[in-house]
Protein backbone atom coordinates (compact mmCIF):
# COMPACT_ATOMS: atom_id res chain seq x y z
CA MET A 1 0.04 -0.03 0.00
CA ASP A 2 3.15 2.26 -0.39
CA THR A 3 2.48 3.65 -4.05
CA PHE A 4 0.14 6.50 -4.60
CA SER A 5 -2.11 4.66 -6.62
CA SER A 6 -2.67 2.19 -4.09
CA MET A 7 -2.84 4.79 -1.20
CA LEU A 8 -5.71 6.64 -3.24
CA ILE A 9 -7.69 3.55 -4.00
CA LEU A 10 -7.68 2.50 -0.39
CA PHE A 11 -8.73 5.87 0.60
CA PHE A 12 -11.57 5.98 -1.73
CA LEU A 13 -12.64 2.55 -0.50
CA VAL A 14 -12.79 3.46 3.20
CA MET A 15 -14.63 6.54 2.53
CA ASN A 16 -17.10 4.77 0.75
CA PRO A 17 -18.87 7.58 -1.43
CA LEU A 18 -21.33 5.11 -3.02
CA GLY A 19 -22.31 3.47 0.37
CA ASN A 20 -22.77 6.95 1.81
CA LEU A 21 -24.52 8.47 -0.92
CA PRO A 22 -28.17 7.42 -0.07
CA VAL A 23 -27.60 8.70 3.54
CA PHE A 24 -26.44 12.01 2.23
CA ILE A 25 -29.44 12.01 0.26
CA ALA A 26 -31.84 11.13 2.69
CA GLU A 27 -30.37 13.62 5.17
CA LEU A 28 -30.77 16.64 3.03
CA ASP A 29 -33.95 15.35 1.35
CA ARG A 30 -35.46 18.76 2.47
CA GLN A 31 -32.77 21.19 1.12
CA PRO A 32 -32.92 22.92 -2.08
CA PRO A 33 -30.46 22.02 -4.66
CA GLU A 34 -28.01 25.12 -3.93
CA ARG A 35 -28.34 24.49 -0.07
CA TYR A 36 -27.48 20.54 -0.58
CA ARG A 37 -24.23 21.10 -2.56
CA PHE A 38 -23.21 23.87 0.07
CA ILE A 39 -23.79 21.36 2.83
CA VAL A 40 -22.24 18.57 1.08
CA LEU A 41 -18.96 20.66 0.38
CA ARG A 42 -19.00 22.03 3.84
CA GLU A 43 -19.18 18.72 5.72
CA CYS A 44 -16.74 17.10 3.06
CA LEU A 45 -13.98 19.84 3.91
CA ILE A 46 -14.45 19.10 7.59
CA ALA A 47 -13.77 15.50 7.24
CA LEU A 48 -10.90 15.98 4.92
CA ALA A 49 -9.27 18.44 7.81
CA ILE A 50 -9.71 15.64 10.31
CA LEU A 51 -8.27 13.18 8.04
CA LEU A 52 -5.35 15.39 7.11
CA LEU A 53 -4.57 15.64 10.63
CA PHE A 54 -4.53 11.98 11.59
CA VAL A 55 -2.25 11.67 8.36
CA PHE A 56 0.56 14.24 9.49
CA CYS A 57 0.21 13.03 13.37
CA GLY A 58 0.07 9.44 12.66
CA GLY A 59 3.45 8.72 13.52
CA GLU A 60 3.46 10.79 16.58
CA ILE A 61 0.19 8.93 17.55
CA LEU A 62 2.02 5.57 16.94
CA LYS A 63 4.88 6.67 19.04
CA ALA A 64 3.00 8.16 22.01
CA LEU A 65 0.65 4.88 22.05
CA ARG A 66 3.80 2.65 21.70
CA ILE A 67 2.07 1.15 18.96
CA THR A 68 4.14 -1.06 16.67
CA GLN A 69 3.95 -1.23 12.70
CA ALA A 70 2.91 -5.01 13.17
CA SER A 71 -0.11 -4.33 15.41
CA LEU A 72 -1.34 -1.55 13.52
CA GLU A 73 -1.06 -3.51 10.00
CA LEU A 74 -2.96 -6.36 11.87
CA ALA A 75 -5.58 -4.22 13.49
CA GLY A 76 -6.08 -2.30 10.43
CA GLY A 77 -6.49 -5.12 8.10
CA ILE A 78 -8.98 -6.59 10.54
CA ILE A 79 -11.04 -3.31 10.76
CA LEU A 80 -11.18 -3.10 6.99
CA PHE A 81 -11.97 -6.61 6.47
CA MET A 82 -15.02 -6.49 8.74
CA ILE A 83 -16.22 -3.19 7.08
CA ALA A 84 -15.41 -5.00 3.61
CA ILE A 85 -17.59 -8.01 4.60
CA LYS A 86 -20.44 -5.64 5.30
CA LEU A 87 -20.19 -3.70 2.29
CA VAL A 88 -20.28 -7.04 0.25
CA PHE A 89 -23.12 -8.79 1.97
CA GLY A 90 -25.31 -5.74 2.75
CA SER A 91 -24.47 -2.11 3.53
CA ALA A 92 -25.33 -0.26 6.72
CA SER A 93 -26.85 2.34 4.76
CA GLY A 94 -28.77 0.12 2.48
CA GLY A 95 -32.22 0.85 1.12
CA GLY A 96 -34.34 -0.02 4.00
CA GLU A 97 -32.82 2.44 6.39
CA LYS A 98 -34.12 5.33 4.92
CA LYS A 99 -35.16 8.02 7.18
CA SER A 100 -36.84 11.11 7.20
CA ALA A 101 -34.52 14.36 6.97
CA PRO A 102 -34.66 16.44 10.23
CA GLU A 103 -35.82 20.04 10.29
CA SER A 104 -32.44 21.46 10.87
CA GLU A 105 -29.61 20.81 8.70
CA PRO A 106 -26.92 18.74 9.83
CA PHE A 107 -23.51 19.91 11.12
CA ILE A 108 -20.37 17.64 11.11
CA VAL A 109 -22.42 14.74 12.83
CA PRO A 110 -23.51 12.51 10.89
CA LEU A 111 -22.25 13.45 7.60
CA ALA A 112 -18.54 14.56 8.11
CA ILE A 113 -18.29 12.22 11.33
CA PRO A 114 -18.95 9.13 11.17
CA LEU A 115 -19.96 8.73 7.52
CA PHE A 116 -17.39 10.40 5.50
CA ALA A 117 -14.39 10.48 8.00
CA GLY A 118 -15.49 7.08 9.72
CA PRO A 119 -13.30 4.87 12.18
CA ALA A 120 -12.11 2.97 9.11
CA ALA A 121 -10.66 6.16 7.36
CA MET A 122 -9.42 7.67 10.13
CA SER A 123 -7.63 4.24 11.26
CA THR A 124 -6.53 4.07 7.68
CA ALA A 125 -5.12 7.96 7.86
CA ILE A 126 -3.19 6.99 10.89
CA LEU A 127 -1.48 3.65 9.29
CA VAL A 128 -0.62 5.32 5.99
CA GLY A 129 0.77 8.55 7.55
CA GLY A 130 2.89 6.64 10.13
CA ARG A 131 4.37 4.40 7.77
CA GLY A 132 7.35 6.54 6.41
CA GLY A 133 9.12 9.63 6.38
CA PHE A 134 8.00 13.29 5.48
CA MET A 135 7.96 12.72 1.80
CA HIS A 136 6.08 9.73 2.20
CA THR A 137 3.43 11.75 4.36
CA LEU A 138 3.23 14.40 1.92
CA GLU A 139 2.58 11.52 -0.92
CA ALA A 140 -0.14 10.03 1.42
CA ALA A 141 -1.63 13.69 2.11
CA GLY A 142 -1.72 13.88 -1.70
CA ALA A 143 -3.37 10.61 -2.07
CA LEU A 144 -6.10 11.32 0.34
CA ALA A 145 -6.70 14.81 -1.20
CA ALA A 146 -7.33 13.17 -4.96
CA ALA A 147 -9.49 10.43 -3.43
CA TRP A 148 -11.51 12.91 -1.26
CA ALA A 149 -11.75 15.14 -4.56
CA ILE A 150 -13.38 12.24 -6.16
CA CYS A 151 -15.57 10.94 -3.22
CA THR A 152 -16.60 14.60 -2.91
CA ALA A 153 -17.75 14.97 -6.63
CA ILE A 154 -19.72 11.60 -6.41
CA LEU A 155 -21.57 13.08 -3.27
CA LEU A 156 -22.21 16.51 -4.64
CA SER A 157 -24.04 14.97 -7.97
CA GLY A 158 -25.52 12.50 -5.55
CA ARG A 159 -29.14 13.42 -6.22
CA TYR A 160 -28.54 12.92 -10.06
CA ALA A 161 -26.74 9.91 -9.59
CA GLY A 162 -29.27 8.42 -7.10
CA LYS A 163 -31.90 9.01 -10.00
CA PHE A 164 -29.80 7.81 -12.76
CA LEU A 165 -28.33 4.68 -11.08
CA GLY A 166 -31.21 3.44 -8.95
CA ALA A 167 -30.88 1.68 -5.73
CA LYS A 168 -29.97 -1.81 -7.32
CA ALA A 169 -26.80 -0.34 -9.18
CA LEU A 170 -25.52 1.50 -6.38
CA SER A 171 -25.76 -1.75 -4.09
CA ALA A 172 -24.21 -3.62 -6.99
CA LEU A 173 -20.99 -0.83 -7.04
CA GLU A 174 -20.94 -0.94 -3.19
CA SER A 175 -20.62 -4.88 -3.34
CA LEU A 176 -17.91 -4.23 -5.92
CA MET A 177 -16.02 -1.76 -3.53
CA GLY A 178 -16.30 -4.21 -0.46
CA LEU A 179 -14.70 -7.10 -2.64
CA LEU A 180 -11.88 -4.84 -3.55
CA LEU A 181 -11.60 -3.78 0.07
CA THR A 182 -11.52 -7.49 1.28
CA THR A 183 -8.17 -8.19 -0.94
CA MET A 184 -6.49 -5.03 0.33
CA ALA A 185 -7.36 -5.77 3.82
CA VAL A 186 -5.99 -9.51 3.69
CA GLU A 187 -2.82 -7.97 1.89
CA MET A 188 -2.52 -5.76 5.19
CA ILE A 189 -2.88 -8.61 7.52
CA ILE A 190 -0.44 -10.44 5.59
CA ALA A 191 1.97 -7.56 5.74
CA GLY A 192 1.33 -7.33 9.50
CA ILE A 193 2.24 -11.04 10.26
CA LYS A 194 5.16 -10.62 8.24
CA TYR A 195 6.54 -7.50 10.10
CA ALA A 196 5.70 -9.28 13.50
CA PHE A 197 8.04 -12.27 12.65
CA LEU A 198 10.67 -10.16 11.04
CA SER A 199 10.97 -7.75 14.06
CA LYS A 200 11.73 -10.56 16.36
């Protein structure tokens, strides 16, 4: 997961824009189109700021908590694997859980946190950001920003995409994302096992 493209794909998968799209649409159902785009952009920017903080402070967090690379790889892989299985066999945000939007617009919770910048995205930011030196961290931040831009574009066009694709197509795409995330999670677990044995 050390190349720019692999980090970009990983961030895109854990931010899960297709899985979050129905929830964004439901939460902002009563908002006019202009307000919808403003709220989505604002919440996405808040989520980006939080994830960038974890990317740049990932190494310090690991040192402060005395967490080894092996344990972080294993824990991150297990968390991602559990989330991936959920995406493959039925998302938490799937069709039947649609709720009516509240009168007041949401702020930070639940759109920015925990939907966009959820536990998986935060742990991934710490994992990727704490892996190498400053140049690696900058590359990770660039990958995060690129993935964020793609996710934000999908969410901004949410109402149109939801109507065009339909619930079944969104569910199928989310399952495909879950399958890709499963393979990446397994790779992280294998890497964690290797780190554990090599460090002894």
